[in-house]
Every structure is written in structure tokens, then in C-alpha cells.
Amino acid sequence: MAHKGTTHNKAFQDTAQAAQNCQSVCVQSIQHCLEMGGSHVEPSHMQLLQDCAEICETTATMLLRSSLQHNQVTAACATICELCAQSCDRFAGDPQMKACADECRHCAAACQQLVQQQPGGAAGTGHHGTP
């Protein structure tokens, strides 16, 4: 997408990096939760961690290849990351869960910002549209 300029590519790359970082911390947090047991392995929490890791991986891949359909996935990533952050926040005093919540919120913000910069927003069919 050279015609979009380096700013467009930089935004995609930065958001992809945030998604990759979030995916990594979610996978690490899954292992942490399995080791901790108890409320850490509550099914809804574990499922959110898995969902977040997967949507982040997909989002990063789509952004790195400048997929025309990235907006829908990026918007979903923002939502799921925020839900995951809220779930991780429940474990006050747990540094791994705090790190996960922080990384999820960072990714959610990056994804939301990218979606808002694109014509058509989350309802659009990609980043090509009329201003």
C-alpha cells in the first residue's frame, strides 16, 4: 500500500506490534493461571485469555499484510482485549494478571485508534473508502 504513505504503514505496524505483545502476554498468562489454579482457572476467564490471544494473533497477521478486511477484525480485537483486561483486573495483587490487563488495554486502545482513523470505521469494508 505504498500510495498510503509511511504514516499508514507505521500505524499498521505499531498496532500489529501491540497485538503481538498482547498475544504473547495472554499465552503466558494462560500458563500462569494453570499453575495458580483456583479462581484463576475459572472457565470464562480462561476462555477470554484464549480468545484474546487468538484475535490478537489474527489481527497482527491481517495488519502486517495490509488486509482490506482488517477493520472488522481490529474492532473485534479492541472489544475482546478490553473484556480480557477487565477479567484480569479481578486478580488484584497478581503481577502477571496486572501485566496482562495493562497489555490488553494498550492493544485495545491501539486497535480502536486505528479503526477510528480508517474511512468507514468498524462498519467499513476495509481501509478503502470515500472521505
Protein backbone atom coordinates (compact mmCIF):
# COMPACT_ATOMS: atom_id res chain seq x y z
CA MET A 1 0.00 0.00 0.00
CA ALA A 2 2.74 2.43 -0.93
CA HIS A 3 0.22 5.07 -2.05
CA LYS A 4 -0.98 5.43 1.54
CA GLY A 5 2.46 6.58 2.65
CA THR A 6 4.66 5.64 5.54
CA THR A 7 2.29 7.01 8.20
CA HIS A 8 -0.35 4.46 7.18
CA ASN A 9 2.19 1.63 7.25
CA LYS A 10 3.60 2.83 10.59
CA ALA A 11 0.14 2.83 12.18
CA PHE A 12 -0.47 -0.71 10.91
CA GLN A 13 2.96 -1.86 12.14
CA ASP A 14 2.55 -0.24 15.56
CA THR A 15 -0.89 -1.78 16.07
CA ALA A 16 0.36 -5.16 14.84
CA GLN A 17 3.22 -4.95 17.38
CA ALA A 18 0.76 -4.13 20.17
CA ALA A 19 -1.36 -7.12 19.15
CA GLN A 20 1.67 -9.41 19.07
CA ASN A 21 2.71 -8.23 22.53
CA CYS A 22 -0.80 -8.79 23.84
CA GLN A 23 -0.98 -12.26 22.29
CA SER A 24 2.29 -13.16 23.98
CA VAL A 25 1.27 -11.97 27.45
CA CYS A 26 -2.10 -13.73 27.16
CA VAL A 27 -0.39 -17.03 26.34
CA GLN A 28 1.99 -16.53 29.27
CA SER A 29 -0.99 -15.68 31.49
CA ILE A 30 -2.81 -18.87 30.50
CA GLN A 31 0.17 -20.87 31.74
CA HIS A 32 0.33 -18.75 34.90
CA CYS A 33 -3.36 -19.34 35.59
CA LEU A 34 -2.96 -23.09 35.10
CA GLU A 35 -0.13 -23.07 37.64
CA MET A 36 -2.11 -20.95 40.12
CA GLY A 37 -5.33 -22.96 39.94
CA GLY A 38 -8.40 -21.94 41.91
CA SER A 39 -10.29 -18.92 40.59
CA HIS A 40 -7.51 -18.31 38.06
CA VAL A 41 -8.76 -21.27 36.04
CA GLU A 42 -12.41 -20.24 36.02
CA PRO A 43 -13.68 -21.27 32.56
CA SER A 44 -14.91 -17.82 31.49
CA HIS A 45 -11.55 -16.23 32.41
CA MET A 46 -9.52 -18.91 30.66
CA GLN A 47 -11.72 -18.64 27.57
CA LEU A 48 -11.25 -14.86 27.44
CA LEU A 49 -7.47 -15.27 27.65
CA GLN A 50 -7.60 -17.78 24.78
CA ASP A 51 -9.97 -15.63 22.72
CA CYS A 52 -7.79 -12.59 23.26
CA ALA A 53 -4.60 -14.41 22.28
CA GLU A 54 -6.21 -15.71 19.09
CA ILE A 55 -7.84 -12.46 17.98
CA CYS A 56 -4.58 -10.62 18.62
CA GLU A 57 -2.64 -13.11 16.51
CA THR A 58 -5.17 -12.80 13.69
CA THR A 59 -5.23 -9.01 13.92
CA ALA A 60 -1.45 -8.73 13.78
CA THR A 61 -1.30 -11.02 10.75
CA MET A 62 -4.00 -9.11 8.88
CA LEU A 63 -2.38 -5.75 9.64
CA LEU A 64 1.09 -6.90 8.61
CA ARG A 65 -0.24 -7.95 5.23
CA SER A 66 -2.49 -4.87 4.93
CA SER A 67 -5.66 -6.91 4.55
CA LEU A 68 -8.57 -4.93 3.15
CA GLN A 69 -10.80 -6.55 5.79
CA HIS A 70 -8.70 -5.54 8.78
CA ASN A 71 -11.25 -3.08 10.21
CA GLN A 72 -13.73 -5.73 11.32
CA VAL A 73 -11.05 -7.84 12.97
CA THR A 74 -9.30 -4.84 14.51
CA ALA A 75 -12.58 -3.61 16.01
CA ALA A 76 -13.29 -7.07 17.42
CA CYS A 77 -9.77 -7.19 18.83
CA ALA A 78 -10.33 -3.90 20.68
CA THR A 79 -13.53 -5.25 22.25
CA ILE A 80 -12.11 -8.63 23.26
CA CYS A 81 -8.91 -7.08 24.65
CA GLU A 82 -10.96 -4.75 26.84
CA LEU A 83 -13.05 -7.66 28.14
CA CYS A 84 -9.89 -9.65 28.85
CA ALA A 85 -8.37 -6.70 30.71
CA GLN A 86 -11.47 -6.48 32.90
CA SER A 87 -11.27 -10.19 33.64
CA CYS A 88 -7.57 -9.95 34.56
CA ASP A 89 -8.27 -6.95 36.81
CA ARG A 90 -10.19 -9.25 39.15
CA PHE A 91 -6.91 -10.72 40.40
CA ALA A 92 -5.65 -7.80 42.50
CA GLY A 93 -2.10 -8.26 43.74
CA ASP A 94 -1.14 -10.69 40.96
CA PRO A 95 1.66 -9.09 38.89
CA GLN A 96 1.13 -11.41 35.89
CA MET A 97 -2.58 -10.59 35.73
CA LYS A 98 -1.81 -6.87 36.08
CA ALA A 99 0.70 -7.09 33.23
CA CYS A 100 -1.90 -8.89 31.14
CA ALA A 101 -4.59 -6.30 31.88
CA ASP A 102 -2.20 -3.46 31.05
CA GLU A 103 -1.08 -5.04 27.76
CA CYS A 104 -4.69 -5.82 26.80
CA ARG A 105 -5.71 -2.21 27.42
CA HIS A 106 -2.76 -0.94 25.39
CA CYS A 107 -3.73 -3.20 22.48
CA ALA A 108 -7.42 -2.25 22.75
CA ALA A 109 -6.52 1.45 22.58
CA ALA A 110 -4.20 0.94 19.60
CA CYS A 111 -6.82 -1.07 17.73
CA GLN A 112 -9.57 1.44 18.50
CA GLN A 113 -7.40 4.32 17.34
CA LEU A 114 -6.58 2.55 14.06
CA VAL A 115 -10.24 1.73 13.39
CA GLN A 116 -11.22 5.36 14.00
CA GLN A 117 -8.54 6.56 11.55
CA GLN A 118 -9.93 4.41 8.74
CA PRO A 119 -12.76 5.58 6.45
CA GLY A 120 -15.96 3.79 7.33
CA GLY A 121 -14.76 2.83 10.82
CA ALA A 122 -15.61 -0.62 12.14
CA ALA A 123 -18.60 -0.91 9.82
CA GLY A 124 -16.46 -0.30 6.75
CA THR A 125 -15.29 -2.94 4.35
CA GLY A 126 -11.64 -2.15 4.72
CA HIS A 127 -9.44 0.89 4.56
CA HIS A 128 -10.52 1.95 1.08
CA GLY A 129 -13.46 4.30 1.07
CA THR A 130 -14.62 7.72 0.11
CA PRO A 131 -13.88 10.55 2.53
